[in-house]
């Protein structure tokens, strides 16, 4: 994954022409924003009370609109509550409860860009509000603004460093920003505060598995699986951690458990494919990669898995087809291009390999150097065959 490392990848060396393949690690728990709080208009700021008490009729009308919005919210009529909050903002844009509550309703309505505007205003009006910063982070996360989500969640954590939830949310923000060690540190801090914080238990498992700390990840993910027996996520990451630790049999077993819990999740089958690949069960690997494609045609790592598995079976024609599809779907992934280049060399298509080399030079110098060395070595071998005694 660069779903995600293409949203979150792990490299595992394979024996196909010195190529590398990447196991897809994009099954992630949602950012753990818990406690989206409703601001009660009955507790306006002191300055708002003073202004309203001095006969500020516009502010009084705006506060009444917020109160009306709260009533609609409690009755479950989110559309009308949002309209009331917007009416209050039109009258008094600096009214924090109206901006904050509008953001909450817009999150519920999945109007994340509008929610972002509301929470940006809310944190300007009340920069000490932990809830506003957390919800701003959540809106950024939903829009895949992962670096900005980190900034917002970090601000919330700085305001409330002794709350497990703020450390947990920051951990997930780091996780999606691919800052795995920072994520681990945040989850561990959350668990120091509350050892039973289930979201942090699962987050620590995910961060360790993605951060390539397989020994610790196995223990963390087993703990997460015990605390949440109905979730496929810790078993998915436990499977990946076992594979990273060189125990593909155990990895396969954990991934099979995940698939029984979530039989419609394509990326679990990608993991099963790579587990079988490591066990040299290539026919089984192909079945799982194909099944992943049926469940979700956009799971690009299934194409990568098909490509390297076909290459291992020396079916280079199908390997090239799968890897070209993977390159088309993810043109900036150097791992996919390196594998395609190696298959092209197996097919004696040097022009194809050189084309991938030229792209890799701009993307990944290490992969480009590996490919160049392979091409150059092959030329020496070819020349030695024709060398006169």
Protein backbone atom coordinates (compact mmCIF):
# COMPACT_ATOMS: atom_id res chain seq x y z
CA UNK A 1 0.00 0.00 0.00
CA UNK A 2 2.43 3.56 -0.68
CA UNK A 3 -4.98 0.54 0.48
CA UNK A 4 -2.94 1.75 0.82
CA UNK A 5 2.97 1.90 0.40
CA UNK A 6 -0.38 1.70 -2.28
CA UNK A 7 -2.18 1.97 0.99
CA UNK A 8 0.12 -0.10 2.90
CA UNK A 9 2.56 -2.72 1.60
CA UNK A 10 5.07 -5.17 2.92
CA UNK A 11 7.83 -6.52 0.70
CA UNK A 12 8.54 -10.25 0.71
CA UNK A 13 11.42 -11.56 -1.42
CA UNK A 14 10.41 -14.18 -3.97
CA UNK A 15 12.52 -16.40 -6.17
CA UNK A 16 11.19 -15.17 -9.51
CA UNK A 17 14.12 -13.68 -11.38
CA UNK A 18 15.20 -11.75 -8.27
CA UNK A 19 11.89 -9.90 -8.34
CA UNK A 20 9.98 -8.77 -5.29
CA UNK A 21 6.32 -8.98 -4.50
CA UNK A 22 4.28 -7.04 -1.97
CA UNK A 23 1.57 -8.35 0.29
CA UNK A 24 -1.44 -6.06 0.50
CA UNK A 25 -2.05 -4.74 4.00
CA UNK A 26 -4.96 -2.44 3.49
CA UNK A 27 -7.52 -4.01 5.81
CA UNK A 28 -7.50 -1.37 8.53
CA UNK A 29 -9.86 -0.54 11.35
CA UNK A 30 -11.57 2.81 11.07
CA UNK A 31 -10.04 5.81 12.79
CA UNK A 32 -11.22 5.45 16.33
CA UNK A 33 -12.87 8.81 16.87
CA UNK A 34 -15.11 8.00 19.78
CA UNK A 35 -17.48 10.31 21.53
CA UNK A 36 -18.54 12.81 18.87
CA UNK A 37 -20.06 15.17 21.37
CA UNK A 38 -23.16 17.32 21.00
CA UNK A 39 -22.59 20.85 22.30
CA UNK A 40 -25.46 21.95 24.53
CA UNK A 41 -26.70 25.45 23.78
CA UNK A 42 -27.66 25.69 27.44
CA UNK A 43 -24.00 26.28 28.21
CA UNK A 44 -22.87 29.11 25.93
CA UNK A 45 -19.60 30.88 26.59
CA UNK A 46 -19.62 33.71 29.12
CA UNK A 47 -19.17 36.32 26.43
CA UNK A 48 -22.16 34.98 24.49
CA UNK A 49 -24.32 35.13 27.62
CA UNK A 50 -23.31 38.71 28.25
CA UNK A 51 -24.06 39.79 24.70
CA UNK A 52 -27.44 38.04 24.69
CA UNK A 53 -28.31 39.40 28.13
CA UNK A 54 -27.62 42.95 27.00
CA UNK A 55 -30.45 42.79 24.50
CA UNK A 56 -28.60 41.45 21.48
CA UNK A 57 -31.67 40.25 19.61
CA UNK A 58 -29.68 38.74 16.72
CA UNK A 59 -27.67 36.61 19.13
CA UNK A 60 -30.83 35.62 21.02
CA UNK A 61 -32.43 34.50 17.74
CA UNK A 62 -29.28 32.60 16.77
CA UNK A 63 -29.18 30.82 20.15
CA UNK A 64 -32.85 29.90 19.73
CA UNK A 65 -32.03 28.42 16.31
CA UNK A 66 -29.27 26.33 17.88
CA UNK A 67 -31.71 25.14 20.56
CA UNK A 68 -34.20 24.24 17.83
CA UNK A 69 -31.46 22.37 16.01
CA UNK A 70 -30.66 20.41 19.14
CA UNK A 71 -34.29 19.36 19.45
CA UNK A 72 -34.33 18.18 15.85
CA UNK A 73 -31.05 16.33 16.48
CA UNK A 74 -32.43 14.52 19.52
CA UNK A 75 -35.54 13.52 17.58
CA UNK A 76 -33.37 12.07 14.79
CA UNK A 77 -34.18 14.67 12.12
CA UNK A 78 -30.62 15.47 11.06
CA UNK A 79 -31.56 17.45 7.94
CA UNK A 80 -33.69 19.89 9.93
CA UNK A 81 -31.09 20.15 12.68
CA UNK A 82 -28.44 21.10 10.11
CA UNK A 83 -30.78 23.71 8.63
CA UNK A 84 -31.34 25.26 12.06
CA UNK A 85 -27.62 25.40 12.82
CA UNK A 86 -27.01 26.98 9.44
CA UNK A 87 -29.69 29.57 10.20
CA UNK A 88 -27.92 30.39 13.46
CA UNK A 89 -24.60 30.76 11.63
CA UNK A 90 -26.18 33.08 9.06
CA UNK A 91 -27.27 35.31 11.93
CA UNK A 92 -24.11 35.01 14.04
CA UNK A 93 -21.10 33.32 12.33
CA UNK A 94 -18.99 33.58 15.50
CA UNK A 95 -21.35 31.37 17.53
CA UNK A 96 -19.26 28.33 18.42
CA UNK A 97 -22.10 25.92 19.31
CA UNK A 98 -23.72 26.54 15.92
CA UNK A 99 -20.49 25.90 13.99
CA UNK A 100 -19.58 22.84 16.03
CA UNK A 101 -23.04 21.28 15.94
CA UNK A 102 -23.34 21.92 12.22
CA UNK A 103 -20.05 20.05 11.77
CA UNK A 104 -21.38 17.11 13.80
CA UNK A 105 -24.53 16.87 11.70
CA UNK A 106 -22.56 17.15 8.46
CA UNK A 107 -20.31 14.30 9.58
CA UNK A 108 -23.42 12.20 10.12
CA UNK A 109 -24.66 13.22 6.66
CA UNK A 110 -21.24 12.32 5.16
CA UNK A 111 -20.81 15.84 3.82
CA UNK A 112 -17.19 15.91 4.83
CA UNK A 113 -16.02 19.00 2.96
CA UNK A 114 -18.74 21.13 4.53
CA UNK A 115 -18.00 19.57 7.91
CA UNK A 116 -14.35 20.51 7.46
CA UNK A 117 -15.29 24.17 6.97
CA UNK A 118 -17.49 24.14 10.08
CA UNK A 119 -14.84 22.54 12.31
CA UNK A 120 -12.10 24.82 10.97
CA UNK A 121 -14.24 27.73 12.10
CA UNK A 122 -15.00 26.02 15.42
CA UNK A 123 -11.33 25.57 16.32
CA UNK A 124 -10.62 29.19 15.43
CA UNK A 125 -13.44 30.28 17.75
CA UNK A 126 -12.50 27.90 20.56
CA UNK A 127 -8.93 26.61 20.09
CA UNK A 128 -9.03 24.91 23.49
CA UNK A 129 -11.82 22.52 22.40
CA UNK A 130 -10.52 18.96 22.29
CA UNK A 131 -13.72 17.73 20.65
CA UNK A 132 -13.52 20.28 17.85
CA UNK A 133 -9.92 19.33 17.02
CA UNK A 134 -10.79 15.62 17.08
CA UNK A 135 -13.72 16.08 14.74
CA UNK A 136 -11.64 18.27 12.47
CA UNK A 137 -9.17 15.39 12.31
CA UNK A 138 -11.95 12.95 11.54
CA UNK A 139 -13.21 15.13 8.65
CA UNK A 140 -9.68 15.32 7.23
CA UNK A 141 -9.35 11.55 7.58
CA UNK A 142 -12.58 10.95 5.70
CA UNK A 143 -11.27 13.15 2.88
CA UNK A 144 -7.95 11.22 2.94
CA UNK A 145 -6.02 14.30 4.07
CA UNK A 146 -3.90 12.09 6.29
CA UNK A 147 -1.14 14.59 7.12
CA UNK A 148 -3.69 17.23 8.10
CA UNK A 149 -5.56 14.64 10.13
CA UNK A 150 -2.33 14.00 12.05
CA UNK A 151 -2.00 17.72 12.76
CA UNK A 152 -5.55 17.99 14.10
CA UNK A 153 -5.40 14.83 16.21
CA UNK A 154 -1.98 15.85 17.54
CA UNK A 155 -3.44 19.16 18.67
CA UNK A 156 -6.26 17.32 20.47
CA UNK A 157 -3.72 15.04 22.15
CA UNK A 158 -1.64 18.02 23.26
CA UNK A 159 -4.73 19.55 24.86
CA UNK A 160 -5.70 16.27 26.58
CA UNK A 161 -2.53 14.14 26.84
CA UNK A 162 -3.91 11.98 29.64
CA UNK A 163 -6.96 10.77 27.74
CA UNK A 164 -6.72 7.36 26.11
CA UNK A 165 -9.02 8.42 23.26
CA UNK A 166 -6.85 11.33 22.12
CA UNK A 167 -3.74 9.14 22.02
CA UNK A 168 -5.68 6.39 20.27
CA UNK A 169 -7.03 8.73 17.60
CA UNK A 170 -3.57 10.16 17.01
CA UNK A 171 -2.28 6.60 16.63
CA UNK A 172 -4.75 5.86 13.85
CA UNK A 173 -3.95 9.16 12.16
CA UNK A 174 -0.26 8.21 12.15
CA UNK A 175 -1.17 4.74 10.88
CA UNK A 176 -2.90 6.11 7.78
CA UNK A 177 -0.06 8.59 7.26
CA UNK A 178 2.32 5.57 7.19
CA UNK A 179 4.20 6.80 10.27
CA UNK A 180 4.22 3.41 11.91
CA UNK A 181 6.60 3.98 14.82
CA UNK A 182 4.72 7.13 15.82
CA UNK A 183 1.50 5.12 15.65
CA UNK A 184 2.98 2.42 17.88
CA UNK A 185 4.08 5.04 20.42
CA UNK A 186 0.62 6.63 20.50
CA UNK A 187 -1.22 3.33 20.91
CA UNK A 188 1.15 2.28 23.69
CA UNK A 189 0.50 5.61 25.46
CA UNK A 190 -3.26 5.04 25.15
CA UNK A 191 -2.89 1.56 26.67
CA UNK A 192 -0.76 2.90 29.51
CA UNK A 193 -3.71 5.14 30.38
CA UNK A 194 -6.37 2.47 29.79
CA UNK A 195 -5.09 -1.11 29.31
CA UNK A 196 -8.60 -2.23 28.27
CA UNK A 197 -9.03 0.34 25.48
CA UNK A 198 -10.06 -2.10 22.73
CA UNK A 199 -9.51 0.26 19.82
CA UNK A 200 -5.92 0.90 20.89
CA UNK A 201 -5.34 -2.85 21.35
CA UNK A 202 -6.34 -3.41 17.73
CA UNK A 203 -4.48 -0.35 16.52
CA UNK A 204 -1.24 -1.50 18.12
CA UNK A 205 -1.56 -4.84 16.33
CA UNK A 206 -2.08 -3.09 12.99
CA UNK A 207 0.78 -0.63 13.48
CA UNK A 208 3.28 -3.31 14.48
CA UNK A 209 2.31 -5.56 11.57
CA UNK A 210 2.54 -2.70 9.09
CA UNK A 211 5.71 -1.38 10.67
CA UNK A 212 7.47 -4.69 10.07
CA UNK A 213 8.00 -5.64 13.72
CA UNK A 214 6.72 -9.20 13.31
CA UNK A 215 7.83 -10.61 16.67
CA UNK A 216 6.00 -7.94 18.67
CA UNK A 217 3.16 -7.87 16.13
CA UNK A 218 2.33 -11.53 16.70
CA UNK A 219 1.88 -10.95 20.44
CA UNK A 220 -0.04 -7.70 19.91
CA UNK A 221 -2.37 -9.24 17.34
CA UNK A 222 -3.05 -12.33 19.42
CA UNK A 223 -4.01 -9.99 22.25
CA UNK A 224 -6.25 -8.01 19.90
CA UNK A 225 -7.90 -11.17 18.59
CA UNK A 226 -8.63 -12.30 22.15
CA UNK A 227 -10.18 -8.95 23.08
CA UNK A 228 -12.30 -8.82 19.91
CA UNK A 229 -13.18 -12.39 18.88
CA UNK A 230 -15.68 -11.23 16.26
CA UNK A 231 -13.25 -9.08 14.28
CA UNK A 232 -11.32 -10.24 11.23
CA UNK A 233 -8.85 -7.34 11.39
CA UNK A 234 -6.46 -8.64 14.11
CA UNK A 235 -6.46 -12.10 12.54
CA UNK A 236 -5.64 -10.58 9.16
CA UNK A 237 -2.66 -8.72 10.60
CA UNK A 238 -1.67 -11.73 12.70
CA UNK A 239 -1.47 -13.71 9.46
CA UNK A 240 0.76 -11.09 7.88
CA UNK A 241 2.97 -10.94 10.96
CA UNK A 242 3.45 -14.71 10.90
CA UNK A 243 4.38 -14.55 7.22
CA UNK A 244 6.90 -11.80 7.96
CA UNK A 245 8.30 -13.96 10.78
CA UNK A 246 8.87 -16.82 8.36
CA UNK A 247 5.97 -18.94 9.59
CA UNK A 248 3.61 -19.05 6.59
CA UNK A 249 1.72 -22.10 7.93
CA UNK A 250 0.59 -20.14 10.98
CA UNK A 251 -0.04 -17.14 8.77
CA UNK A 252 -2.30 -19.22 6.56
CA UNK A 253 -4.27 -20.46 9.56
CA UNK A 254 -4.82 -16.93 10.91
CA UNK A 255 -5.90 -15.65 7.52
CA UNK A 256 -8.31 -18.54 7.12
CA UNK A 257 -9.90 -17.54 10.44
CA UNK A 258 -10.19 -13.96 9.16
CA UNK A 259 -11.86 -15.19 5.98
CA UNK A 260 -14.42 -17.19 7.96
CA UNK A 261 -15.36 -14.02 9.84
CA UNK A 262 -15.32 -11.72 6.78
CA UNK A 263 -15.86 -13.95 3.71
CA UNK A 264 -16.52 -10.96 1.43
CA UNK A 265 -13.33 -9.00 2.15
CA UNK A 266 -11.11 -9.19 -0.93
CA UNK A 267 -7.85 -8.23 0.73
CA UNK A 268 -8.00 -11.16 3.13
CA UNK A 269 -7.92 -13.43 0.09
CA UNK A 270 -4.93 -11.53 -1.23
CA UNK A 271 -3.22 -12.37 2.06
CA UNK A 272 -4.27 -16.01 1.67
CA UNK A 273 -2.79 -15.97 -1.81
CA UNK A 274 0.58 -14.77 -0.59
CA UNK A 275 0.57 -17.24 2.32
CA UNK A 276 0.03 -20.10 -0.13
CA UNK A 277 2.67 -18.62 -2.41
CA UNK A 278 5.22 -18.72 0.40
CA UNK A 279 4.22 -22.36 1.01
CA UNK A 280 4.75 -23.04 -2.72
CA UNK A 281 1.10 -24.00 -3.09
CA UNK A 282 0.85 -22.09 -6.34
CA UNK A 283 -2.47 -23.46 -7.57
CA UNK A 284 -4.10 -22.49 -4.27
CA UNK A 285 -2.46 -19.07 -4.46
CA UNK A 286 -3.93 -18.50 -7.92
CA UNK A 287 -7.42 -19.46 -6.68
CA UNK A 288 -7.26 -16.95 -3.84
CA UNK A 289 -5.93 -14.13 -6.00
CA UNK A 290 -8.67 -14.78 -8.57
CA UNK A 291 -11.31 -14.86 -5.83
CA UNK A 292 -10.06 -11.53 -4.50
CA UNK A 293 -10.47 -10.06 -7.99
CA UNK A 294 -14.04 -11.35 -8.17
CA UNK A 295 -14.87 -9.73 -4.85
CA UNK A 296 -13.21 -6.41 -5.70
CA UNK A 297 -11.79 -5.78 -9.14
CA UNK A 298 -9.84 -2.77 -7.82
CA UNK A 299 -7.64 -4.80 -5.45
CA UNK A 300 -4.44 -4.24 -7.39
CA UNK A 301 -2.26 -6.50 -5.27
CA UNK A 302 -4.29 -9.47 -6.46
CA UNK A 303 -2.95 -8.77 -9.95
CA UNK A 304 0.56 -8.53 -8.56
CA UNK A 305 0.06 -11.85 -6.79
CA UNK A 306 -1.24 -13.45 -9.97
CA UNK A 307 1.76 -12.11 -11.87
CA UNK A 308 4.44 -13.44 -9.54
CA UNK A 309 2.65 -16.78 -9.11
CA UNK A 310 2.32 -17.31 -12.86
CA UNK A 311 5.99 -16.37 -13.18
CA UNK A 312 6.93 -18.96 -10.57
CA UNK A 313 5.03 -21.52 -12.66
CA UNK A 314 6.97 -20.24 -15.70
CA UNK A 315 3.71 -19.20 -17.35
CA UNK A 316 5.27 -15.92 -18.43
CA UNK A 317 2.52 -14.99 -20.89
CA UNK A 318 -0.15 -14.88 -18.18
CA UNK A 319 2.37 -13.35 -15.78
CA UNK A 320 2.98 -10.48 -18.20
CA UNK A 321 -0.75 -9.96 -18.72
CA UNK A 322 -1.43 -9.76 -14.98
CA UNK A 323 1.51 -7.49 -14.27
CA UNK A 324 0.66 -5.14 -17.13
CA UNK A 325 -2.80 -4.86 -15.59
CA UNK A 326 -1.21 -4.09 -12.23
CA UNK A 327 1.01 -1.40 -13.78
CA UNK A 328 -2.00 0.13 -15.51
CA UNK A 329 -3.92 0.24 -12.22
CA UNK A 330 -0.97 1.55 -10.17
CA UNK A 331 1.61 3.13 -12.50
CA UNK A 332 3.67 4.61 -9.66
CA UNK A 333 4.30 1.32 -7.87
CA UNK A 334 7.98 0.37 -8.39
CA UNK A 335 7.50 -3.18 -7.10
CA UNK A 336 4.98 -3.95 -9.83
CA UNK A 337 7.21 -2.44 -12.52
CA UNK A 338 10.24 -4.41 -11.32
CA UNK A 339 8.30 -7.67 -11.49
CA UNK A 340 7.01 -6.82 -14.96
CA UNK A 341 10.55 -6.07 -16.12
CA UNK A 342 11.81 -9.43 -14.83
CA UNK A 343 9.02 -11.26 -16.64
CA UNK A 344 9.84 -9.31 -19.81
CA UNK A 345 13.43 -10.52 -19.52
CA UNK A 346 12.18 -14.09 -19.14
CA UNK A 347 10.25 -13.56 -22.38
CA UNK A 348 13.42 -12.09 -23.96
CA UNK A 349 11.62 -8.79 -24.44
CA UNK A 350 14.53 -6.50 -23.61
CA UNK A 351 12.75 -3.39 -24.92
CA UNK A 352 9.97 -3.92 -22.38
CA UNK A 353 12.50 -4.37 -19.57
CA UNK A 354 14.39 -1.23 -20.58
CA UNK A 355 11.14 0.71 -20.69
CA UNK A 356 10.42 -0.29 -17.09
CA UNK A 357 14.02 0.54 -16.15
CA UNK A 358 13.63 4.07 -17.50
CA UNK A 359 10.50 4.56 -15.38
CA UNK A 360 12.11 3.02 -12.31
CA UNK A 361 15.05 5.45 -12.52
CA UNK A 362 12.60 8.25 -11.72
CA UNK A 363 10.82 6.32 -8.97
CA UNK A 364 13.12 3.95 -7.07
CA UNK A 365 16.89 3.98 -7.56
CA UNK A 366 17.39 0.72 -5.67
CA UNK A 367 14.88 -1.16 -7.85
CA UNK A 368 16.34 0.46 -10.98
CA UNK A 369 19.86 -0.60 -10.00
CA UNK A 370 18.67 -4.16 -9.35
CA UNK A 371 17.08 -4.27 -12.78
CA UNK A 372 20.09 -2.70 -14.50
CA UNK A 373 22.42 -5.26 -12.90
CA UNK A 374 20.16 -8.08 -14.10
CA UNK A 375 20.02 -6.76 -17.66
CA UNK A 376 23.78 -6.18 -17.73
CA UNK A 377 24.50 -9.63 -16.28
CA UNK A 378 22.31 -11.25 -18.93
CA UNK A 379 24.27 -9.49 -21.65
CA UNK A 380 27.54 -10.89 -20.28
CA UNK A 381 26.05 -14.39 -20.18
CA UNK A 382 24.81 -14.04 -23.76
CA UNK A 383 28.19 -12.81 -24.93
CA UNK A 384 30.05 -15.64 -23.19
CA UNK A 385 28.02 -18.19 -25.13
CA UNK A 386 29.45 -16.86 -28.38
CA UNK A 387 32.97 -16.28 -27.14
CA UNK A 388 35.58 -18.14 -29.14
CA UNK A 389 37.78 -20.59 -27.21
